[in-house]
Amino acid sequence: MLIFIRQFHINRILERDKVYNARKLLGFSDEQMYNVVSDVKHYKQFLPFCTKSAILDYNKITNILHANLEIGFPPIIENYTSKVTLIRPRLVKAQCNDGRLFNYLESTWKFAPGLKNVPNSCIIDFYIKFEFKSLLHSQVSGLFFERLVKQMETAFIEEAKRRYGGESIPTYALNLKAD
C-alpha cells in the first residue's frame, strides 16, 4: 500500500495538468464576495505569492478586462496576462493563453445567494485548471498545488473579513454539483 501511495503522489507531481474544484457556503453576500474576487487590481495586497496586479484595459460595455499578474514563490517569479470576464454579482472568469508561462490557465468563481434566512450568505463555486509550459514549473507546483490553491481561496475569504467584518455564519464546505 505504501508503494501505491508514493507512486500516486509521484504521478500527481509529474502531471502537467492541475485541477481544483470547491463549493462552499460563506457568511458573506454574493455581492460582497464578487467585489473581492473581481478586484483584480488589488490582488497584490492580499493574494499569496502575487507580487504585481495591474489592469491593462477594461471594456465597460463587454465587462471584460485584461490584467497582468506577477506570481512569485522563489526561485520562480513569472508574470502573465489574463482576460477576465465579469458578470456582476454572479461570475468572475479568468483565462490566460499568453503562451509564456502557461499553456492555459482558467479560473472561475461563481456566486449564488446562500441561506434564505441569512441574507449575508452565499454559495461559491471555485474552479481552477492550468498547465504550465515548463515541466520544471509544473513539477515544482505539483509539490504543493493543493495547499497553494486552498491558501488562495482562503485569502479571498480573509479579504472579505477585512473589508466587511466577521462572517454571518461559519464557512462550510459543500458537495460539488453534478454537471
C-alpha atoms as a PDB file:
ATOM      1  CA  MET A   1       0.000   0.000   0.000  1.00  0.00           C
ATOM      2  CA  LEU A   2       2.819   2.436   0.817  1.00  0.00           C
ATOM      3  CA  ILE A   3       4.331   1.877  -2.627  1.00  0.00           C
ATOM      4  CA  PHE A   4       0.966   2.650  -4.242  1.00  0.00           C
ATOM      5  CA  ILE A   5       0.604   5.891  -2.235  1.00  0.00           C
ATOM      6  CA  ARG A   6       4.116   7.016  -3.147  1.00  0.00           C
ATOM      7  CA  GLN A   7       3.512   6.158  -6.820  1.00  0.00           C
ATOM      8  CA  PHE A   8       0.210   8.059  -6.756  1.00  0.00           C
ATOM      9  CA  HIS A   9       1.930  11.085  -5.169  1.00  0.00           C
ATOM     10  CA  ILE A  10       4.762  10.991  -7.737  1.00  0.00           C
ATOM     11  CA  ASN A  11       2.246  10.752 -10.592  1.00  0.00           C
ATOM     12  CA  ARG A  12       0.353  13.804  -9.245  1.00  0.00           C
ATOM     13  CA  ILE A  13       3.635  15.749  -9.140  1.00  0.00           C
ATOM     14  CA  LEU A  14       4.528  14.768 -12.706  1.00  0.00           C
ATOM     15  CA  GLU A  15       1.099  15.591 -14.174  1.00  0.00           C
ATOM     16  CA  ARG A  16       1.298  18.838 -16.078  1.00  0.00           C
ATOM     17  CA  ASP A  17      -2.428  19.492 -15.899  1.00  0.00           C
ATOM     18  CA  LYS A  18      -3.582  20.779 -12.467  1.00  0.00           C
ATOM     19  CA  VAL A  19      -7.289  20.985 -11.500  1.00  0.00           C
ATOM     20  CA  TYR A  20      -9.062  22.072  -8.311  1.00  0.00           C
ATOM     21  CA  ASN A  21     -12.804  22.424  -7.561  1.00  0.00           C
ATOM     22  CA  ALA A  22     -14.512  23.603  -4.391  1.00  0.00           C
ATOM     23  CA  ARG A  23     -18.015  24.564  -3.342  1.00  0.00           C
ATOM     24  CA  LYS A  24     -18.649  26.419  -0.097  1.00  0.00           C
ATOM     25  CA  LEU A  25     -21.315  28.208   1.858  1.00  0.00           C
ATOM     26  CA  LEU A  26     -19.890  31.507   3.148  1.00  0.00           C
ATOM     27  CA  GLY A  27     -21.070  34.118   5.632  1.00  0.00           C
ATOM     28  CA  PHE A  28     -20.823  36.966   3.108  1.00  0.00           C
ATOM     29  CA  SER A  29     -23.280  38.031   0.428  1.00  0.00           C
ATOM     30  CA  ASP A  30     -22.723  37.113  -3.196  1.00  0.00           C
ATOM     31  CA  GLU A  31     -22.222  40.822  -3.941  1.00  0.00           C
ATOM     32  CA  GLN A  32     -19.534  41.127  -1.250  1.00  0.00           C
ATOM     33  CA  MET A  33     -17.629  38.080  -2.491  1.00  0.00           C
ATOM     34  CA  TYR A  34     -17.982  39.243  -6.093  1.00  0.00           C
ATOM     35  CA  ASN A  35     -16.495  42.608  -5.081  1.00  0.00           C
ATOM     36  CA  VAL A  36     -13.450  40.928  -3.525  1.00  0.00           C
ATOM     37  CA  VAL A  37     -12.794  38.452  -6.349  1.00  0.00           C
ATOM     38  CA  SER A  38     -13.367  40.996  -9.131  1.00  0.00           C
ATOM     39  CA  ASP A  39     -10.948  43.487  -7.525  1.00  0.00           C
ATOM     40  CA  VAL A  40      -8.018  42.205  -9.584  1.00  0.00           C
ATOM     41  CA  LYS A  41      -6.120  45.486  -9.243  1.00  0.00           C
ATOM     42  CA  HIS A  42      -5.637  44.854  -5.504  1.00  0.00           C
ATOM     43  CA  TYR A  43      -4.691  41.152  -5.626  1.00  0.00           C
ATOM     44  CA  LYS A  44      -1.093  42.072  -4.839  1.00  0.00           C
ATOM     45  CA  GLN A  45      -2.258  43.358  -1.443  1.00  0.00           C
ATOM     46  CA  PHE A  46      -3.883  40.139  -0.224  1.00  0.00           C
ATOM     47  CA  LEU A  47      -3.266  37.180  -2.516  1.00  0.00           C
ATOM     48  CA  PRO A  48      -0.363  34.904  -1.527  1.00  0.00           C
ATOM     49  CA  PHE A  49       2.545  34.909  -3.966  1.00  0.00           C
ATOM     50  CA  CYS A  50       1.018  37.727  -6.053  1.00  0.00           C
ATOM     51  CA  THR A  51       3.632  40.475  -6.238  1.00  0.00           C
ATOM     52  CA  LYS A  52       2.034  42.572  -9.006  1.00  0.00           C
ATOM     53  CA  SER A  53      -1.513  43.072 -10.247  1.00  0.00           C
ATOM     54  CA  ALA A  54      -2.314  45.685 -12.846  1.00  0.00           C
ATOM     55  CA  ILE A  55      -5.331  46.318 -15.062  1.00  0.00           C
ATOM     56  CA  LEU A  56      -4.137  46.855 -18.636  1.00  0.00           C
ATOM     57  CA  ASP A  57      -7.539  47.743 -20.099  1.00  0.00           C
ATOM     58  CA  TYR A  58     -11.207  47.484 -19.236  1.00  0.00           C
ATOM     59  CA  ASN A  59     -14.170  47.469 -21.615  1.00  0.00           C
ATOM     60  CA  LYS A  60     -17.254  48.673 -19.719  1.00  0.00           C
ATOM     61  CA  ILE A  61     -19.589  47.530 -22.499  1.00  0.00           C
ATOM     62  CA  THR A  62     -18.447  43.891 -22.533  1.00  0.00           C
ATOM     63  CA  ASN A  63     -17.287  43.828 -18.885  1.00  0.00           C
ATOM     64  CA  ILE A  64     -14.008  42.275 -19.938  1.00  0.00           C
ATOM     65  CA  LEU A  65     -10.675  43.396 -18.602  1.00  0.00           C
ATOM     66  CA  HIS A  66      -7.102  42.368 -19.259  1.00  0.00           C
ATOM     67  CA  ALA A  67      -4.832  42.133 -16.256  1.00  0.00           C
ATOM     68  CA  ASN A  68      -1.150  41.472 -15.799  1.00  0.00           C
ATOM     69  CA  LEU A  69      -0.258  39.442 -12.726  1.00  0.00           C
ATOM     70  CA  GLU A  70       3.149  38.552 -11.374  1.00  0.00           C
ATOM     71  CA  ILE A  71       3.396  35.485  -9.187  1.00  0.00           C
ATOM     72  CA  GLY A  72       6.404  34.533  -7.210  1.00  0.00           C
ATOM     73  CA  PHE A  73       7.373  31.688  -4.985  1.00  0.00           C
ATOM     74  CA  PRO A  74      11.158  31.626  -5.028  1.00  0.00           C
ATOM     75  CA  PRO A  75      13.020  30.615  -7.017  1.00  0.00           C
ATOM     76  CA  ILE A  76      10.243  31.147  -9.584  1.00  0.00           C
ATOM     77  CA  ILE A  77       8.845  34.601 -10.362  1.00  0.00           C
ATOM     78  CA  GLU A  78       6.793  34.961 -13.522  1.00  0.00           C
ATOM     79  CA  ASN A  79       4.138  37.224 -14.962  1.00  0.00           C
ATOM     80  CA  TYR A  80       1.222  36.588 -17.283  1.00  0.00           C
ATOM     81  CA  THR A  81      -1.769  38.361 -18.758  1.00  0.00           C
ATOM     82  CA  SER A  82      -5.338  37.185 -18.269  1.00  0.00           C
ATOM     83  CA  LYS A  83      -8.625  38.044 -19.907  1.00  0.00           C
ATOM     84  CA  VAL A  84     -11.164  38.453 -17.102  1.00  0.00           C
ATOM     85  CA  THR A  85     -14.913  38.308 -17.741  1.00  0.00           C
ATOM     86  CA  LEU A  86     -17.103  39.951 -15.104  1.00  0.00           C
ATOM     87  CA  ILE A  87     -20.840  39.331 -14.637  1.00  0.00           C
ATOM     88  CA  ARG A  88     -21.970  41.197 -11.508  1.00  0.00           C
ATOM     89  CA  PRO A  89     -22.626  39.603  -8.996  1.00  0.00           C
ATOM     90  CA  ARG A  90     -22.575  36.060 -10.403  1.00  0.00           C
ATOM     91  CA  LEU A  91     -19.265  35.329 -12.160  1.00  0.00           C
ATOM     92  CA  VAL A  92     -15.580  36.166 -12.381  1.00  0.00           C
ATOM     93  CA  LYS A  93     -13.793  34.093 -15.024  1.00  0.00           C
ATOM     94  CA  ALA A  94     -10.120  34.472 -15.918  1.00  0.00           C
ATOM     95  CA  GLN A  95      -8.399  32.903 -18.917  1.00  0.00           C
ATOM     96  CA  CYS A  96      -4.755  33.020 -19.856  1.00  0.00           C
ATOM     97  CA  ASN A  97      -3.379  31.756 -23.134  1.00  0.00           C
ATOM     98  CA  ASP A  98      -0.460  34.144 -23.484  1.00  0.00           C
ATOM     99  CA  GLY A  99       1.949  31.319 -24.156  1.00  0.00           C
ATOM    100  CA  ARG A 100       4.845  32.351 -21.914  1.00  0.00           C
ATOM    101  CA  LEU A 101       4.106  30.800 -18.524  1.00  0.00           C
ATOM    102  CA  PHE A 102       1.024  28.672 -19.148  1.00  0.00           C
ATOM    103  CA  ASN A 103      -0.232  26.551 -21.980  1.00  0.00           C
ATOM    104  CA  TYR A 104      -3.539  27.619 -20.469  1.00  0.00           C
ATOM    105  CA  LEU A 105      -4.988  28.870 -17.187  1.00  0.00           C
ATOM    106  CA  GLU A 106      -8.687  29.029 -16.380  1.00  0.00           C
ATOM    107  CA  SER A 107     -10.229  30.077 -13.114  1.00  0.00           C
ATOM    108  CA  THR A 108     -13.919  30.532 -12.460  1.00  0.00           C
ATOM    109  CA  TRP A 109     -15.697  31.910  -9.424  1.00  0.00           C
ATOM    110  CA  LYS A 110     -19.486  31.555  -9.405  1.00  0.00           C
ATOM    111  CA  PHE A 111     -21.600  33.236  -6.748  1.00  0.00           C
ATOM    112  CA  ALA A 112     -25.171  32.429  -5.735  1.00  0.00           C
ATOM    113  CA  PRO A 113     -27.363  33.523  -2.845  1.00  0.00           C
ATOM    114  CA  GLY A 114     -26.910  31.412   0.262  1.00  0.00           C
ATOM    115  CA  LEU A 115     -29.412  30.644   3.001  1.00  0.00           C
ATOM    116  CA  LYS A 116     -32.784  32.399   2.686  1.00  0.00           C
ATOM    117  CA  ASN A 117     -32.848  33.263   6.388  1.00  0.00           C
ATOM    118  CA  VAL A 118     -29.230  34.587   6.319  1.00  0.00           C
ATOM    119  CA  PRO A 119     -29.040  37.494   3.824  1.00  0.00           C
ATOM    120  CA  ASN A 120     -25.268  37.848   4.235  1.00  0.00           C
ATOM    121  CA  SER A 121     -24.513  34.368   2.951  1.00  0.00           C
ATOM    122  CA  CYS A 122     -23.692  32.928  -0.417  1.00  0.00           C
ATOM    123  CA  ILE A 123     -22.557  29.800  -2.174  1.00  0.00           C
ATOM    124  CA  ILE A 124     -19.321  29.974  -4.121  1.00  0.00           C
ATOM    125  CA  ASP A 125     -18.145  27.518  -6.717  1.00  0.00           C
ATOM    126  CA  PHE A 126     -14.413  27.871  -7.352  1.00  0.00           C
ATOM    127  CA  TYR A 127     -12.664  26.083 -10.205  1.00  0.00           C
ATOM    128  CA  ILE A 128      -9.102  26.388 -11.420  1.00  0.00           C
ATOM    129  CA  LYS A 129      -7.325  24.430 -14.117  1.00  0.00           C
ATOM    130  CA  PHE A 130      -3.926  25.141 -15.622  1.00  0.00           C
ATOM    131  CA  GLU A 131      -0.940  23.673 -17.325  1.00  0.00           C
ATOM    132  CA  PHE A 132       2.493  25.267 -17.140  1.00  0.00           C
ATOM    133  CA  LYS A 133       4.558  25.390 -20.299  1.00  0.00           C
ATOM    134  CA  SER A 134       7.645  24.438 -18.349  1.00  0.00           C
ATOM    135  CA  LEU A 135       7.975  20.935 -16.940  1.00  0.00           C
ATOM    136  CA  LEU A 136      10.056  22.429 -14.095  1.00  0.00           C
ATOM    137  CA  HIS A 137       7.268  24.858 -13.117  1.00  0.00           C
ATOM    138  CA  SER A 138       4.773  22.021 -13.318  1.00  0.00           C
ATOM    139  CA  GLN A 139       6.819  19.738 -11.098  1.00  0.00           C
ATOM    140  CA  VAL A 140       7.523  22.450  -8.519  1.00  0.00           C
ATOM    141  CA  SER A 141       3.843  23.433  -8.371  1.00  0.00           C
ATOM    142  CA  GLY A 142       2.835  19.778  -8.115  1.00  0.00           C
ATOM    143  CA  LEU A 143       4.636  19.531  -4.800  1.00  0.00           C
ATOM    144  CA  PHE A 144       2.261  21.985  -3.153  1.00  0.00           C
ATOM    145  CA  PHE A 145      -0.553  22.629  -5.664  1.00  0.00           C
ATOM    146  CA  GLU A 146      -3.483  21.751  -3.421  1.00  0.00           C
ATOM    147  CA  ARG A 147      -2.087  23.704  -0.473  1.00  0.00           C
ATOM    148  CA  LEU A 148      -1.453  26.706  -2.753  1.00  0.00           C
ATOM    149  CA  VAL A 149      -4.990  26.854  -4.174  1.00  0.00           C
ATOM    150  CA  LYS A 150      -6.505  26.414  -0.709  1.00  0.00           C
ATOM    151  CA  GLN A 151      -4.346  29.308   0.544  1.00  0.00           C
ATOM    152  CA  MET A 152      -5.533  31.376  -2.407  1.00  0.00           C
ATOM    153  CA  GLU A 153      -9.179  30.533  -1.712  1.00  0.00           C
ATOM    154  CA  THR A 154      -8.704  31.372   1.984  1.00  0.00           C
ATOM    155  CA  ALA A 155      -7.060  34.692   1.075  1.00  0.00           C
ATOM    156  CA  PHE A 156     -10.234  35.855  -0.685  1.00  0.00           C
ATOM    157  CA  ILE A 157     -12.341  34.930   2.352  1.00  0.00           C
ATOM    158  CA  GLU A 158      -9.903  36.685   4.702  1.00  0.00           C
ATOM    159  CA  GLU A 159     -10.017  39.781   2.482  1.00  0.00           C
ATOM    160  CA  ALA A 160     -13.820  39.730   2.708  1.00  0.00           C
ATOM    161  CA  LYS A 161     -13.492  39.600   6.515  1.00  0.00           C
ATOM    162  CA  ARG A 162     -11.096  42.553   6.427  1.00  0.00           C
ATOM    163  CA  ARG A 163     -13.450  44.598   4.221  1.00  0.00           C
ATOM    164  CA  TYR A 164     -16.828  43.619   5.650  1.00  0.00           C
ATOM    165  CA  GLY A 165     -16.201  42.366   9.190  1.00  0.00           C
ATOM    166  CA  GLY A 166     -16.910  38.926  10.548  1.00  0.00           C
ATOM    167  CA  GLU A 167     -18.824  36.212   8.753  1.00  0.00           C
ATOM    168  CA  SER A 168     -22.558  35.942   9.430  1.00  0.00           C
ATOM    169  CA  ILE A 169     -22.134  32.144   9.553  1.00  0.00           C
ATOM    170  CA  PRO A 170     -19.043  29.902   9.559  1.00  0.00           C
ATOM    171  CA  THR A 171     -17.681  28.734   6.219  1.00  0.00           C
ATOM    172  CA  TYR A 172     -18.979  25.295   5.311  1.00  0.00           C
ATOM    173  CA  ALA A 173     -17.671  23.017   2.554  1.00  0.00           C
ATOM    174  CA  LEU A 174     -20.430  21.649   0.304  1.00  0.00           C
ATOM    175  CA  ASN A 175     -20.528  18.738  -2.094  1.00  0.00           C
ATOM    176  CA  LEU A 176     -19.769  19.674  -5.686  1.00  0.00           C
ATOM    177  CA  LYS A 177     -22.748  19.842  -8.026  1.00  0.00           C
ATOM    178  CA  ALA A 178     -23.018  17.065 -10.566  1.00  0.00           C
ATOM    179  CA  ASP A 179     -22.996  18.634 -14.014  1.00  0.00           C
END
